[in-house]
């Protein structure tokens, strides 16, 4: 019995990884078709260049990309690196969720949430938009899921209650909305898009107000660092638009998976900085 349990413990991450890669393949369909308002079901997978149907054995997540050497079997055109990247990213994140949540129902909930964030990230990077088809239903679903009783979630749902979820939705979306109003009033330009506001509403509904705040802080820091690096590398100019959605998505994932650790690091940094200022003043 113990050996079977140990074997399952070893195989389960592999199963979840494979499942994540399969889900990632579907997320690629969403990323490609949602901005074009196309059906996610029909037609089946096709080469974006020659429009030849992709055979099932050429549609295996990650593996087919390697076997085909990143080229379409029919026309020989390069296959975008996005496809294996999304599949691999989804698989890795699903395994991390397996280690983060013990309750299967909660793990599935946050797998859906993570998948939505992945789709939003890649669409925003490519098209500079965040689809309402994901963020608005996401807000409603996050709020409704917070009503699940503890016997279903095992008390592991990140938002501790419906009130926490509702305040998180208002806090996340509201702060970005106020930022947008401030930018329009002071700088006479849009400082925050409506898509980012609705995205943070969804994040707050799923994670609650505390992690919504952490998401904004972490996402802002990451966005500022990457933006500065791109400007220094002369890949972007100071006035160029840099989508904020991917950094909010990454910030929300980091907050969900490692919120306690991030808080400890922040407090340790604050204490260290305080000690430095204290000793410098004393000197």
C-alpha atoms as a PDB file:
ATOM      1  CA  UNK A   1       0.000   0.000   0.000  1.00  0.00           C
ATOM      2  CA  UNK A   2       2.829   2.350   0.917  1.00  0.00           C
ATOM      3  CA  UNK A   3       4.663   1.485  -2.316  1.00  0.00           C
ATOM      4  CA  UNK A   4       1.542   2.270  -4.375  1.00  0.00           C
ATOM      5  CA  UNK A   5       1.190   5.618  -2.617  1.00  0.00           C
ATOM      6  CA  UNK A   6       4.824   6.451  -3.269  1.00  0.00           C
ATOM      7  CA  UNK A   7       4.493   5.423  -6.924  1.00  0.00           C
ATOM      8  CA  UNK A   8       1.428   7.648  -7.289  1.00  0.00           C
ATOM      9  CA  UNK A   9       3.326  10.514  -5.665  1.00  0.00           C
ATOM     10  CA  UNK A  10       6.066  10.118  -8.261  1.00  0.00           C
ATOM     11  CA  UNK A  11       3.765   9.707 -11.253  1.00  0.00           C
ATOM     12  CA  UNK A  12       1.210  12.387 -10.381  1.00  0.00           C
ATOM     13  CA  UNK A  13       3.478  15.328 -11.313  1.00  0.00           C
ATOM     14  CA  UNK A  14       4.130  13.618 -14.660  1.00  0.00           C
ATOM     15  CA  UNK A  15       0.412  13.184 -15.283  1.00  0.00           C
ATOM     16  CA  UNK A  16      -0.230  16.819 -14.365  1.00  0.00           C
ATOM     17  CA  UNK A  17       2.653  17.976 -16.600  1.00  0.00           C
ATOM     18  CA  UNK A  18       1.233  16.080 -19.585  1.00  0.00           C
ATOM     19  CA  UNK A  19      -2.263  17.374 -18.837  1.00  0.00           C
ATOM     20  CA  UNK A  20      -0.884  20.919 -18.634  1.00  0.00           C
ATOM     21  CA  UNK A  21       0.836  20.540 -21.999  1.00  0.00           C
ATOM     22  CA  UNK A  22      -2.441  19.359 -23.569  1.00  0.00           C
ATOM     23  CA  UNK A  23      -4.314  22.294 -22.041  1.00  0.00           C
ATOM     24  CA  UNK A  24      -1.542  24.575 -23.317  1.00  0.00           C
ATOM     25  CA  UNK A  25      -2.242  23.329 -26.837  1.00  0.00           C
ATOM     26  CA  UNK A  26      -5.857  24.496 -26.469  1.00  0.00           C
ATOM     27  CA  UNK A  27      -4.685  27.804 -25.010  1.00  0.00           C
ATOM     28  CA  UNK A  28      -2.684  28.349 -28.198  1.00  0.00           C
ATOM     29  CA  UNK A  29      -5.944  28.049 -30.136  1.00  0.00           C
ATOM     30  CA  UNK A  30      -7.506  30.680 -27.868  1.00  0.00           C
ATOM     31  CA  UNK A  31      -4.508  32.992 -28.275  1.00  0.00           C
ATOM     32  CA  UNK A  32      -4.664  32.726 -32.055  1.00  0.00           C
ATOM     33  CA  UNK A  33      -8.425  32.927 -32.561  1.00  0.00           C
ATOM     34  CA  UNK A  34      -9.914  35.124 -29.835  1.00  0.00           C
ATOM     35  CA  UNK A  35      -8.463  38.396 -31.234  1.00  0.00           C
ATOM     36  CA  UNK A  36      -9.898  37.472 -34.644  1.00  0.00           C
ATOM     37  CA  UNK A  37     -13.346  36.611 -33.208  1.00  0.00           C
ATOM     38  CA  UNK A  38     -13.064  33.109 -34.649  1.00  0.00           C
ATOM     39  CA  UNK A  39     -14.607  29.903 -33.337  1.00  0.00           C
ATOM     40  CA  UNK A  40     -12.427  27.953 -30.893  1.00  0.00           C
ATOM     41  CA  UNK A  41     -13.869  24.669 -32.160  1.00  0.00           C
ATOM     42  CA  UNK A  42     -14.138  24.889 -35.946  1.00  0.00           C
ATOM     43  CA  UNK A  43     -12.230  24.495 -38.123  1.00  0.00           C
ATOM     44  CA  UNK A  44      -9.649  22.170 -36.589  1.00  0.00           C
ATOM     45  CA  UNK A  45      -6.002  23.086 -36.186  1.00  0.00           C
ATOM     46  CA  UNK A  46      -4.499  24.436 -39.399  1.00  0.00           C
ATOM     47  CA  UNK A  47      -1.194  25.854 -40.526  1.00  0.00           C
ATOM     48  CA  UNK A  48      -1.539  29.673 -40.410  1.00  0.00           C
ATOM     49  CA  UNK A  49       0.542  29.929 -43.612  1.00  0.00           C
ATOM     50  CA  UNK A  50      -0.818  27.308 -46.025  1.00  0.00           C
ATOM     51  CA  UNK A  51      -4.012  26.512 -44.056  1.00  0.00           C
ATOM     52  CA  UNK A  52      -3.416  22.777 -44.371  1.00  0.00           C
ATOM     53  CA  UNK A  53      -5.136  20.768 -41.586  1.00  0.00           C
ATOM     54  CA  UNK A  54      -2.718  19.607 -38.898  1.00  0.00           C
ATOM     55  CA  UNK A  55      -2.802  15.824 -38.514  1.00  0.00           C
ATOM     56  CA  UNK A  56      -3.296  14.468 -35.000  1.00  0.00           C
ATOM     57  CA  UNK A  57       0.242  13.043 -34.866  1.00  0.00           C
ATOM     58  CA  UNK A  58       1.605  16.487 -35.784  1.00  0.00           C
ATOM     59  CA  UNK A  59      -0.427  18.097 -33.012  1.00  0.00           C
ATOM     60  CA  UNK A  60       1.185  16.440 -30.000  1.00  0.00           C
ATOM     61  CA  UNK A  61       2.144  19.130 -27.458  1.00  0.00           C
ATOM     62  CA  UNK A  62       5.874  20.000 -27.466  1.00  0.00           C
ATOM     63  CA  UNK A  63       6.848  16.657 -29.054  1.00  0.00           C
ATOM     64  CA  UNK A  64       5.521  17.427 -32.547  1.00  0.00           C
ATOM     65  CA  UNK A  65       7.368  20.761 -32.603  1.00  0.00           C
ATOM     66  CA  UNK A  66      10.629  18.904 -31.969  1.00  0.00           C
ATOM     67  CA  UNK A  67       9.920  16.075 -34.440  1.00  0.00           C
ATOM     68  CA  UNK A  68       8.916  18.493 -37.190  1.00  0.00           C
ATOM     69  CA  UNK A  69      11.974  20.651 -36.436  1.00  0.00           C
ATOM     70  CA  UNK A  70       9.754  23.703 -36.040  1.00  0.00           C
ATOM     71  CA  UNK A  71       8.444  23.521 -39.610  1.00  0.00           C
ATOM     72  CA  UNK A  72       5.041  22.782 -41.138  1.00  0.00           C
ATOM     73  CA  UNK A  73       4.978  19.307 -42.700  1.00  0.00           C
ATOM     74  CA  UNK A  74       2.959  20.575 -45.699  1.00  0.00           C
ATOM     75  CA  UNK A  75       4.592  23.875 -46.675  1.00  0.00           C
ATOM     76  CA  UNK A  76       7.834  23.912 -44.687  1.00  0.00           C
ATOM     77  CA  UNK A  77       7.147  27.324 -43.155  1.00  0.00           C
ATOM     78  CA  UNK A  78       8.538  27.890 -39.638  1.00  0.00           C
ATOM     79  CA  UNK A  79       6.220  27.132 -36.720  1.00  0.00           C
ATOM     80  CA  UNK A  80       6.085  29.924 -34.160  1.00  0.00           C
ATOM     81  CA  UNK A  81       8.008  29.284 -30.954  1.00  0.00           C
ATOM     82  CA  UNK A  82       4.870  30.487 -29.158  1.00  0.00           C
ATOM     83  CA  UNK A  83       3.253  27.052 -29.501  1.00  0.00           C
ATOM     84  CA  UNK A  84       5.751  24.937 -27.526  1.00  0.00           C
ATOM     85  CA  UNK A  85       6.428  27.867 -25.178  1.00  0.00           C
ATOM     86  CA  UNK A  86       2.768  28.109 -24.131  1.00  0.00           C
ATOM     87  CA  UNK A  87       2.491  24.319 -23.800  1.00  0.00           C
ATOM     88  CA  UNK A  88       5.637  24.067 -21.686  1.00  0.00           C
ATOM     89  CA  UNK A  89       4.732  27.092 -19.563  1.00  0.00           C
ATOM     90  CA  UNK A  90       1.258  25.717 -18.854  1.00  0.00           C
ATOM     91  CA  UNK A  91       2.668  22.301 -17.950  1.00  0.00           C
ATOM     92  CA  UNK A  92       5.206  23.775 -15.519  1.00  0.00           C
ATOM     93  CA  UNK A  93       2.673  26.072 -13.864  1.00  0.00           C
ATOM     94  CA  UNK A  94       0.201  23.208 -13.419  1.00  0.00           C
ATOM     95  CA  UNK A  95       2.879  21.184 -11.617  1.00  0.00           C
ATOM     96  CA  UNK A  96       3.576  24.182  -9.361  1.00  0.00           C
ATOM     97  CA  UNK A  97      -0.156  24.401  -8.618  1.00  0.00           C
ATOM     98  CA  UNK A  98      -0.114  20.702  -7.715  1.00  0.00           C
ATOM     99  CA  UNK A  99       2.482  21.470  -5.046  1.00  0.00           C
ATOM    100  CA  UNK A 100       0.699  24.635  -3.911  1.00  0.00           C
ATOM    101  CA  UNK A 101      -2.812  23.221  -3.357  1.00  0.00           C
ATOM    102  CA  UNK A 102      -3.773  19.961  -1.658  1.00  0.00           C
ATOM    103  CA  UNK A 103      -7.475  20.227  -2.461  1.00  0.00           C
ATOM    104  CA  UNK A 104      -8.200  18.899  -6.005  1.00  0.00           C
ATOM    105  CA  UNK A 105     -11.199  21.211  -6.527  1.00  0.00           C
ATOM    106  CA  UNK A 106      -9.188  24.311  -5.637  1.00  0.00           C
ATOM    107  CA  UNK A 107      -6.277  23.152  -7.786  1.00  0.00           C
ATOM    108  CA  UNK A 108      -8.594  22.810 -10.800  1.00  0.00           C
ATOM    109  CA  UNK A 109     -10.070  26.262 -10.113  1.00  0.00           C
ATOM    110  CA  UNK A 110      -6.648  27.873 -10.156  1.00  0.00           C
ATOM    111  CA  UNK A 111      -5.620  25.862 -13.202  1.00  0.00           C
ATOM    112  CA  UNK A 112      -8.488  27.592 -15.040  1.00  0.00           C
ATOM    113  CA  UNK A 113      -7.403  30.942 -13.592  1.00  0.00           C
ATOM    114  CA  UNK A 114      -3.797  30.305 -14.655  1.00  0.00           C
ATOM    115  CA  UNK A 115      -4.880  29.316 -18.159  1.00  0.00           C
ATOM    116  CA  UNK A 116      -6.841  32.549 -18.470  1.00  0.00           C
ATOM    117  CA  UNK A 117      -3.782  34.557 -17.412  1.00  0.00           C
ATOM    118  CA  UNK A 118      -1.594  32.785 -19.984  1.00  0.00           C
ATOM    119  CA  UNK A 119      -4.039  33.572 -22.804  1.00  0.00           C
ATOM    120  CA  UNK A 120      -4.300  37.201 -21.670  1.00  0.00           C
ATOM    121  CA  UNK A 121      -0.516  37.536 -21.494  1.00  0.00           C
ATOM    122  CA  UNK A 122       0.231  36.326 -25.002  1.00  0.00           C
ATOM    123  CA  UNK A 123      -2.668  38.198 -26.598  1.00  0.00           C
ATOM    124  CA  UNK A 124      -1.648  41.433 -24.867  1.00  0.00           C
ATOM    125  CA  UNK A 125       1.975  40.990 -25.940  1.00  0.00           C
ATOM    126  CA  UNK A 126       0.962  40.462 -29.565  1.00  0.00           C
ATOM    127  CA  UNK A 127      -2.138  42.618 -30.024  1.00  0.00           C
ATOM    128  CA  UNK A 128      -1.998  45.080 -27.090  1.00  0.00           C
ATOM    129  CA  UNK A 129      -5.502  44.072 -25.997  1.00  0.00           C
ATOM    130  CA  UNK A 130      -6.996  42.075 -23.121  1.00  0.00           C
ATOM    131  CA  UNK A 131     -10.131  40.233 -24.310  1.00  0.00           C
ATOM    132  CA  UNK A 132     -13.338  41.041 -22.437  1.00  0.00           C
ATOM    133  CA  UNK A 133     -14.394  37.466 -23.219  1.00  0.00           C
ATOM    134  CA  UNK A 134     -11.941  36.334 -20.528  1.00  0.00           C
ATOM    135  CA  UNK A 135     -11.741  39.106 -17.935  1.00  0.00           C
ATOM    136  CA  UNK A 136     -15.458  39.897 -17.502  1.00  0.00           C
ATOM    137  CA  UNK A 137     -16.639  36.260 -17.126  1.00  0.00           C
ATOM    138  CA  UNK A 138     -13.543  35.755 -14.955  1.00  0.00           C
ATOM    139  CA  UNK A 139     -14.755  38.407 -12.508  1.00  0.00           C
ATOM    140  CA  UNK A 140     -18.167  36.737 -12.216  1.00  0.00           C
ATOM    141  CA  UNK A 141     -16.718  33.229 -11.891  1.00  0.00           C
ATOM    142  CA  UNK A 142     -14.189  34.336  -9.257  1.00  0.00           C
ATOM    143  CA  UNK A 143     -16.919  35.950  -7.165  1.00  0.00           C
ATOM    144  CA  UNK A 144     -19.210  32.912  -7.446  1.00  0.00           C
ATOM    145  CA  UNK A 145     -16.429  30.442  -6.571  1.00  0.00           C
ATOM    146  CA  UNK A 146     -15.707  32.359  -3.377  1.00  0.00           C
ATOM    147  CA  UNK A 147     -19.176  31.238  -2.219  1.00  0.00           C
ATOM    148  CA  UNK A 148     -18.147  27.561  -2.241  1.00  0.00           C
ATOM    149  CA  UNK A 149     -18.362  26.036   1.244  1.00  0.00           C
ATOM    150  CA  UNK A 150     -15.210  25.052   3.120  1.00  0.00           C
ATOM    151  CA  UNK A 151     -16.110  21.350   2.872  1.00  0.00           C
ATOM    152  CA  UNK A 152     -15.612  21.640  -0.902  1.00  0.00           C
ATOM    153  CA  UNK A 153     -12.492  23.799  -0.943  1.00  0.00           C
ATOM    154  CA  UNK A 154     -10.936  22.542   2.274  1.00  0.00           C
ATOM    155  CA  UNK A 155     -10.395  26.172   3.215  1.00  0.00           C
ATOM    156  CA  UNK A 156      -7.734  26.474   0.488  1.00  0.00           C
ATOM    157  CA  UNK A 157      -9.499  28.945  -1.794  1.00  0.00           C
ATOM    158  CA  UNK A 158      -7.142  31.944  -1.745  1.00  0.00           C
ATOM    159  CA  UNK A 159      -9.922  34.509  -1.290  1.00  0.00           C
ATOM    160  CA  UNK A 160     -11.072  33.766   2.255  1.00  0.00           C
ATOM    161  CA  UNK A 161     -14.722  34.733   1.696  1.00  0.00           C
ATOM    162  CA  UNK A 162     -17.138  36.340  -0.744  1.00  0.00           C
ATOM    163  CA  UNK A 163     -16.491  39.669   0.986  1.00  0.00           C
ATOM    164  CA  UNK A 164     -12.739  39.240   0.513  1.00  0.00           C
ATOM    165  CA  UNK A 165     -13.324  38.379  -3.155  1.00  0.00           C
ATOM    166  CA  UNK A 166     -15.659  41.348  -3.706  1.00  0.00           C
ATOM    167  CA  UNK A 167     -13.307  43.801  -1.977  1.00  0.00           C
ATOM    168  CA  UNK A 168     -10.434  42.312  -3.969  1.00  0.00           C
ATOM    169  CA  UNK A 169     -12.325  42.903  -7.200  1.00  0.00           C
ATOM    170  CA  UNK A 170     -13.079  46.510  -6.265  1.00  0.00           C
ATOM    171  CA  UNK A 171      -9.576  47.119  -4.904  1.00  0.00           C
ATOM    172  CA  UNK A 172      -7.730  45.635  -7.874  1.00  0.00           C
ATOM    173  CA  UNK A 173      -9.840  47.233 -10.566  1.00  0.00           C
ATOM    174  CA  UNK A 174     -10.509  50.409  -8.585  1.00  0.00           C
ATOM    175  CA  UNK A 175      -6.877  51.287  -7.971  1.00  0.00           C
ATOM    176  CA  UNK A 176      -6.036  50.962 -11.653  1.00  0.00           C
ATOM    177  CA  UNK A 177      -9.143  52.972 -12.555  1.00  0.00           C
ATOM    178  CA  UNK A 178      -8.018  55.775 -10.225  1.00  0.00           C
ATOM    179  CA  UNK A 179      -4.551  55.574 -11.784  1.00  0.00           C
ATOM    180  CA  UNK A 180      -6.110  55.993 -15.230  1.00  0.00           C
ATOM    181  CA  UNK A 181      -8.120  59.043 -14.073  1.00  0.00           C
ATOM    182  CA  UNK A 182      -5.032  60.583 -12.463  1.00  0.00           C
ATOM    183  CA  UNK A 183      -2.984  60.096 -15.629  1.00  0.00           C
ATOM    184  CA  UNK A 184      -5.670  61.709 -17.780  1.00  0.00           C
ATOM    185  CA  UNK A 185      -6.047  64.658 -15.396  1.00  0.00           C
ATOM    186  CA  UNK A 186      -2.329  65.310 -14.797  1.00  0.00           C
ATOM    187  CA  UNK A 187      -0.480  64.013 -17.867  1.00  0.00           C
ATOM    188  CA  UNK A 188      -3.333  64.363 -20.380  1.00  0.00           C
ATOM    189  CA  UNK A 189      -2.824  60.827 -21.647  1.00  0.00           C
ATOM    190  CA  UNK A 190      -4.067  57.341 -20.955  1.00  0.00           C
ATOM    191  CA  UNK A 191      -1.938  55.769 -18.234  1.00  0.00           C
ATOM    192  CA  UNK A 192      -3.933  52.584 -17.802  1.00  0.00           C
ATOM    193  CA  UNK A 193      -6.080  50.696 -20.291  1.00  0.00           C
ATOM    194  CA  UNK A 194      -9.571  49.428 -19.603  1.00  0.00           C
ATOM    195  CA  UNK A 195      -8.362  45.886 -20.190  1.00  0.00           C
ATOM    196  CA  UNK A 196      -5.845  46.170 -17.345  1.00  0.00           C
ATOM    197  CA  UNK A 197      -8.583  47.470 -15.025  1.00  0.00           C
ATOM    198  CA  UNK A 198     -10.876  44.527 -15.783  1.00  0.00           C
ATOM    199  CA  UNK A 199      -7.959  42.104 -15.516  1.00  0.00           C
ATOM    200  CA  UNK A 200      -7.217  43.309 -11.995  1.00  0.00           C
ATOM    201  CA  UNK A 201     -10.910  43.008 -11.174  1.00  0.00           C
ATOM    202  CA  UNK A 202     -10.665  39.331 -12.131  1.00  0.00           C
ATOM    203  CA  UNK A 203      -7.438  38.850 -10.185  1.00  0.00           C
ATOM    204  CA  UNK A 204      -8.986  40.415  -7.076  1.00  0.00           C
ATOM    205  CA  UNK A 205     -12.073  38.202  -7.388  1.00  0.00           C
ATOM    206  CA  UNK A 206      -9.909  35.056  -7.445  1.00  0.00           C
ATOM    207  CA  UNK A 207      -7.202  36.082  -4.973  1.00  0.00           C
ATOM    208  CA  UNK A 208      -8.835  38.535  -2.553  1.00  0.00           C
ATOM    209  CA  UNK A 209      -7.821  42.099  -1.715  1.00  0.00           C
ATOM    210  CA  UNK A 210      -4.477  41.371  -0.024  1.00  0.00           C
ATOM    211  CA  UNK A 211      -3.004  39.452  -2.936  1.00  0.00           C
ATOM    212  CA  UNK A 212      -4.613  41.909  -5.374  1.00  0.00           C
ATOM    213  CA  UNK A 213      -2.546  44.669  -3.758  1.00  0.00           C
ATOM    214  CA  UNK A 214       0.549  42.468  -3.844  1.00  0.00           C
ATOM    215  CA  UNK A 215      -0.108  41.755  -7.528  1.00  0.00           C
ATOM    216  CA  UNK A 216      -0.184  45.459  -8.362  1.00  0.00           C
ATOM    217  CA  UNK A 217       3.054  46.090  -6.455  1.00  0.00           C
ATOM    218  CA  UNK A 218       4.903  43.093  -7.919  1.00  0.00           C
ATOM    219  CA  UNK A 219       3.556  43.730 -11.435  1.00  0.00           C
ATOM    220  CA  UNK A 220       4.542  47.411 -11.276  1.00  0.00           C
ATOM    221  CA  UNK A 221       8.074  46.589 -10.128  1.00  0.00           C
ATOM    222  CA  UNK A 222       8.514  43.920 -12.810  1.00  0.00           C
ATOM    223  CA  UNK A 223       7.088  46.204 -15.494  1.00  0.00           C
ATOM    224  CA  UNK A 224       9.359  49.077 -14.475  1.00  0.00           C
ATOM    225  CA  UNK A 225      12.475  46.880 -14.423  1.00  0.00           C
ATOM    226  CA  UNK A 226      11.756  45.265 -17.786  1.00  0.00           C
ATOM    227  CA  UNK A 227      10.786  48.596 -19.350  1.00  0.00           C
ATOM    228  CA  UNK A 228      14.000  50.198 -18.088  1.00  0.00           C
ATOM    229  CA  UNK A 229      16.043  47.286 -19.403  1.00  0.00           C
ATOM    230  CA  UNK A 230      14.407  47.553 -22.843  1.00  0.00           C
ATOM    231  CA  UNK A 231      15.100  51.304 -22.969  1.00  0.00           C
ATOM    232  CA  UNK A 232      18.732  50.804 -21.922  1.00  0.00           C
ATOM    233  CA  UNK A 233      19.099  48.079 -24.567  1.00  0.00           C
ATOM    234  CA  UNK A 234      17.515  50.506 -27.074  1.00  0.00           C
ATOM    235  CA  UNK A 235      14.790  48.008 -27.928  1.00  0.00           C
ATOM    236  CA  UNK A 236      12.161  50.526 -26.792  1.00  0.00           C
ATOM    237  CA  UNK A 237      12.016  54.299 -26.621  1.00  0.00           C
ATOM    238  CA  UNK A 238      10.831  56.208 -23.572  1.00  0.00           C
ATOM    239  CA  UNK A 239       7.459  57.040 -25.109  1.00  0.00           C
ATOM    240  CA  UNK A 240       6.784  53.573 -26.584  1.00  0.00           C
ATOM    241  CA  UNK A 241       3.805  51.600 -25.316  1.00  0.00           C
ATOM    242  CA  UNK A 242       4.628  48.573 -23.176  1.00  0.00           C
ATOM    243  CA  UNK A 243       1.675  46.304 -22.323  1.00  0.00           C
ATOM    244  CA  UNK A 244       1.093  46.086 -18.571  1.00  0.00           C
ATOM    245  CA  UNK A 245      -1.169  43.018 -18.625  1.00  0.00           C
ATOM    246  CA  UNK A 246       1.646  40.432 -18.777  1.00  0.00           C
ATOM    247  CA  UNK A 247       3.322  41.913 -15.692  1.00  0.00           C
ATOM    248  CA  UNK A 248       0.038  41.945 -13.773  1.00  0.00           C
ATOM    249  CA  UNK A 249      -0.523  38.328 -14.810  1.00  0.00           C
ATOM    250  CA  UNK A 250       2.967  37.341 -13.681  1.00  0.00           C
ATOM    251  CA  UNK A 251       2.553  39.317 -10.469  1.00  0.00           C
ATOM    252  CA  UNK A 252      -0.721  37.529  -9.714  1.00  0.00           C
ATOM    253  CA  UNK A 253       0.839  34.101 -10.320  1.00  0.00           C
ATOM    254  CA  UNK A 254       3.795  34.893  -8.085  1.00  0.00           C
ATOM    255  CA  UNK A 255       1.446  36.246  -5.406  1.00  0.00           C
ATOM    256  CA  UNK A 256      -0.772  33.166  -5.591  1.00  0.00           C
ATOM    257  CA  UNK A 257       2.094  30.664  -5.512  1.00  0.00           C
ATOM    258  CA  UNK A 258       4.593  32.445  -3.267  1.00  0.00           C
ATOM    259  CA  UNK A 259       2.663  35.247  -1.532  1.00  0.00           C
ATOM    260  CA  UNK A 260       3.935  34.364   1.956  1.00  0.00           C
ATOM    261  CA  UNK A 261       7.537  34.176   0.758  1.00  0.00           C
ATOM    262  CA  UNK A 262       7.262  37.503  -1.074  1.00  0.00           C
ATOM    263  CA  UNK A 263       5.851  39.129   2.054  1.00  0.00           C
ATOM    264  CA  UNK A 264       8.707  37.738   4.168  1.00  0.00           C
ATOM    265  CA  UNK A 265      11.267  39.035   1.677  1.00  0.00           C
ATOM    266  CA  UNK A 266       9.594  42.440   1.645  1.00  0.00           C
ATOM    267  CA  UNK A 267       9.596  42.647   5.448  1.00  0.00           C
ATOM    268  CA  UNK A 268      13.202  41.454   5.604  1.00  0.00           C
ATOM    269  CA  UNK A 269      14.191  44.064   3.022  1.00  0.00           C
ATOM    270  CA  UNK A 270      12.362  46.755   4.988  1.00  0.00           C
ATOM    271  CA  UNK A 271      14.090  45.743   8.219  1.00  0.00           C
ATOM    272  CA  UNK A 272      17.477  45.648   6.505  1.00  0.00           C
ATOM    273  CA  UNK A 273      16.930  49.053   4.953  1.00  0.00           C
ATOM    274  CA  UNK A 274      15.821  50.413   8.313  1.00  0.00           C
ATOM    275  CA  UNK A 275      18.964  49.076   9.993  1.00  0.00           C
ATOM    276  CA  UNK A 276      21.152  50.675   7.325  1.00  0.00           C
ATOM    277  CA  UNK A 277      19.473  54.060   7.759  1.00  0.00           C
ATOM    278  CA  UNK A 278      19.661  53.789  11.555  1.00  0.00           C
ATOM    279  CA  UNK A 279      23.375  52.991  11.615  1.00  0.00           C
ATOM    280  CA  UNK A 280      24.167  55.618   8.978  1.00  0.00           C
ATOM    281  CA  UNK A 281      22.414  58.277  11.039  1.00  0.00           C
ATOM    282  CA  UNK A 282      24.139  57.065  14.186  1.00  0.00           C
ATOM    283  CA  UNK A 283      27.495  57.289  12.493  1.00  0.00           C
END
